[in-house]
Structure formats: C-alpha cells, structure tokens
Amino acid sequence: MIRDPLRNANRHRSRRAFLALAALLAVFIAAPQLRADEPYARSRDYDLQHSKIALRFDLDQKKILGEVTHSLSILRDGATKIAFDSVGLTIQSVTLNKTAANSKPPPTN
C-alpha cells in the first residue's frame, strides 16, 4: 500500500482547522457574555451611526488638534445627556445640531 504524504498533510491540516473552529464555537456558546469595554461599559442610550474625525498635528507643540462629528440615534425616550469617553483630551466646545451644548465633564471618583 502506497501512502500519499500530501493527502495525509491536507487531512491533518483540515482536522486541526475543524478542531480550532469547534473550540472557538464552544467558547462563544459556553462562555458568559463578555464585552471588550466591560469595566467601562455605559448604558445604551444611543446608537452611534457614524463618526467623522479631522485631525491636525502640531509637531512643534506636540499637540493634536481636531474636530469630531458624531451622528447617532437616541434609543431611549427622555435621554437628557450623552457620555463619550474623553480621558486626556481638552474639549473646547460641544454643539448639538449646530447649537452650543453643555460639555461639563462628569465628576471623578
């Protein structure tokens, strides 16, 4: 009986791929729901639809200047505030539908 080493290698590779896929599927089914942002997860008051980010770099002053525009849909009636993570940023102004909005940062604990 002549054995084909290429056929055996392909069969071994296919089996490894199948086992890897089965293990990945088992993790998703058996593991509790995990979120990448778990320690910092916020309530879902809005759905971010689109972000436009325009940046300028001032290398002499070691600064990044820019403008960010978010388009979103409100998911809960009566929402009065929207929180974005902005650690380490200095925000000069915030507008809502081209009208100045309150950009007071939340209190730190």
Protein backbone atom coordinates (compact mmCIF):
# COMPACT_ATOMS: atom_id res chain seq x y z
CA MET A 1 0.00 0.00 0.00
CA ILE A 2 1.44 3.36 -1.06
CA ARG A 3 0.70 6.32 1.21
CA ASP A 4 0.36 9.81 -0.19
CA PRO A 5 2.15 12.21 2.22
CA LEU A 6 0.41 15.24 0.67
CA ARG A 7 -3.02 13.73 1.24
CA ASN A 8 -2.15 12.94 4.86
CA ALA A 9 -0.85 16.50 5.43
CA ASN A 10 -4.03 18.01 3.98
CA ARG A 11 -6.20 15.71 6.10
CA HIS A 12 -4.20 16.66 9.23
CA ARG A 13 -4.50 20.40 8.40
CA SER A 14 -8.26 20.07 7.82
CA ARG A 15 -8.70 18.28 11.10
CA ARG A 16 -6.76 20.99 13.00
CA ALA A 17 -8.86 23.69 11.36
CA PHE A 18 -12.05 21.85 12.30
CA LEU A 19 -10.92 21.42 15.91
CA ALA A 20 -9.94 25.10 16.15
CA LEU A 21 -13.33 26.15 14.79
CA ALA A 22 -15.12 23.79 17.19
CA ALA A 23 -13.15 25.17 20.15
CA LEU A 24 -13.93 28.75 19.13
CA LEU A 25 -17.62 27.91 18.78
CA ALA A 26 -17.60 26.25 22.22
CA VAL A 27 -16.10 29.39 23.78
CA PHE A 28 -18.82 31.58 22.30
CA ILE A 29 -21.62 29.23 23.36
CA ALA A 30 -20.38 28.23 26.81
CA ALA A 31 -18.74 31.44 27.98
CA PRO A 32 -20.83 34.15 29.62
CA GLN A 33 -21.42 37.25 27.58
CA LEU A 34 -18.20 39.26 27.75
CA ARG A 35 -17.73 42.78 26.45
CA ALA A 36 -14.43 44.32 25.44
CA ASP A 37 -15.34 47.52 27.29
CA GLU A 38 -16.74 45.69 30.35
CA PRO A 39 -15.12 47.73 33.14
CA TYR A 40 -16.14 50.97 31.43
CA ALA A 41 -19.43 49.94 29.79
CA ARG A 42 -22.09 52.63 29.72
CA SER A 43 -25.83 52.28 29.39
CA ARG A 44 -27.03 52.09 25.82
CA ASP A 45 -28.91 55.37 25.48
CA TYR A 46 -27.76 55.91 21.90
CA ASP A 47 -26.56 54.05 18.84
CA LEU A 48 -23.50 55.61 17.19
CA GLN A 49 -24.14 55.63 13.45
CA HIS A 50 -21.10 57.48 12.07
CA SER A 51 -18.01 59.38 13.21
CA LYS A 52 -16.09 61.92 11.16
CA ILE A 53 -12.66 62.76 12.57
CA ALA A 54 -10.48 65.54 11.15
CA LEU A 55 -7.07 65.94 12.82
CA ARG A 56 -4.15 68.34 12.52
CA PHE A 57 -0.78 67.69 14.07
CA ASP A 58 1.30 70.48 15.61
CA LEU A 59 4.65 68.74 15.95
CA ASP A 60 6.43 71.78 17.42
CA GLN A 61 3.99 71.98 20.35
CA LYS A 62 3.41 68.21 20.44
CA LYS A 63 -0.36 68.63 20.08
CA ILE A 64 -3.09 67.02 18.08
CA LEU A 65 -5.90 69.39 17.17
CA GLY A 66 -9.10 68.37 15.51
CA GLU A 67 -12.80 68.17 15.15
CA VAL A 68 -15.02 65.13 15.65
CA THR A 69 -18.60 64.87 14.42
CA HIS A 70 -20.80 62.00 15.62
CA SER A 71 -24.12 61.02 14.07
CA LEU A 72 -26.26 58.94 16.39
CA SER A 73 -29.76 57.70 17.09
CA ILE A 74 -31.33 58.05 20.54
CA LEU A 75 -32.53 54.66 21.82
CA ARG A 76 -34.37 55.75 24.98
CA ASP A 77 -37.08 58.34 25.26
CA GLY A 78 -36.27 61.16 27.64
CA ALA A 79 -32.49 60.91 27.29
CA THR A 80 -31.03 64.17 28.62
CA LYS A 81 -27.30 63.51 28.31
CA ILE A 82 -24.84 61.54 26.25
CA ALA A 83 -21.47 60.49 27.65
CA PHE A 84 -18.40 59.96 25.49
CA ASP A 85 -15.03 58.80 26.81
CA SER A 86 -12.53 61.64 26.53
CA VAL A 87 -9.77 60.83 29.00
CA GLY A 88 -6.75 63.03 28.44
CA LEU A 89 -8.49 65.35 25.97
CA THR A 90 -9.14 69.06 26.30
CA ILE A 91 -12.55 69.78 24.77
CA GLN A 92 -13.05 73.40 23.81
CA SER A 93 -16.66 73.28 22.65
CA VAL A 94 -19.60 70.95 22.08
CA THR A 95 -22.56 71.60 19.79
CA LEU A 96 -25.82 69.79 19.25
CA ASN A 97 -27.46 70.46 15.89
CA LYS A 98 -25.12 73.47 15.48
CA THR A 99 -26.19 74.95 18.86
CA ALA A 100 -23.84 75.21 21.84
CA ALA A 101 -24.34 72.36 24.32
CA ASN A 102 -23.23 71.84 27.92
CA SER A 103 -19.92 69.96 27.85
CA LYS A 104 -19.39 69.69 31.60
CA PRO A 105 -17.34 66.55 32.32
CA PRO A 106 -18.76 64.04 34.81
CA PRO A 107 -17.37 64.16 38.37
CA THR A 108 -14.37 61.93 39.04
CA ASN A 109 -14.49 59.42 41.88
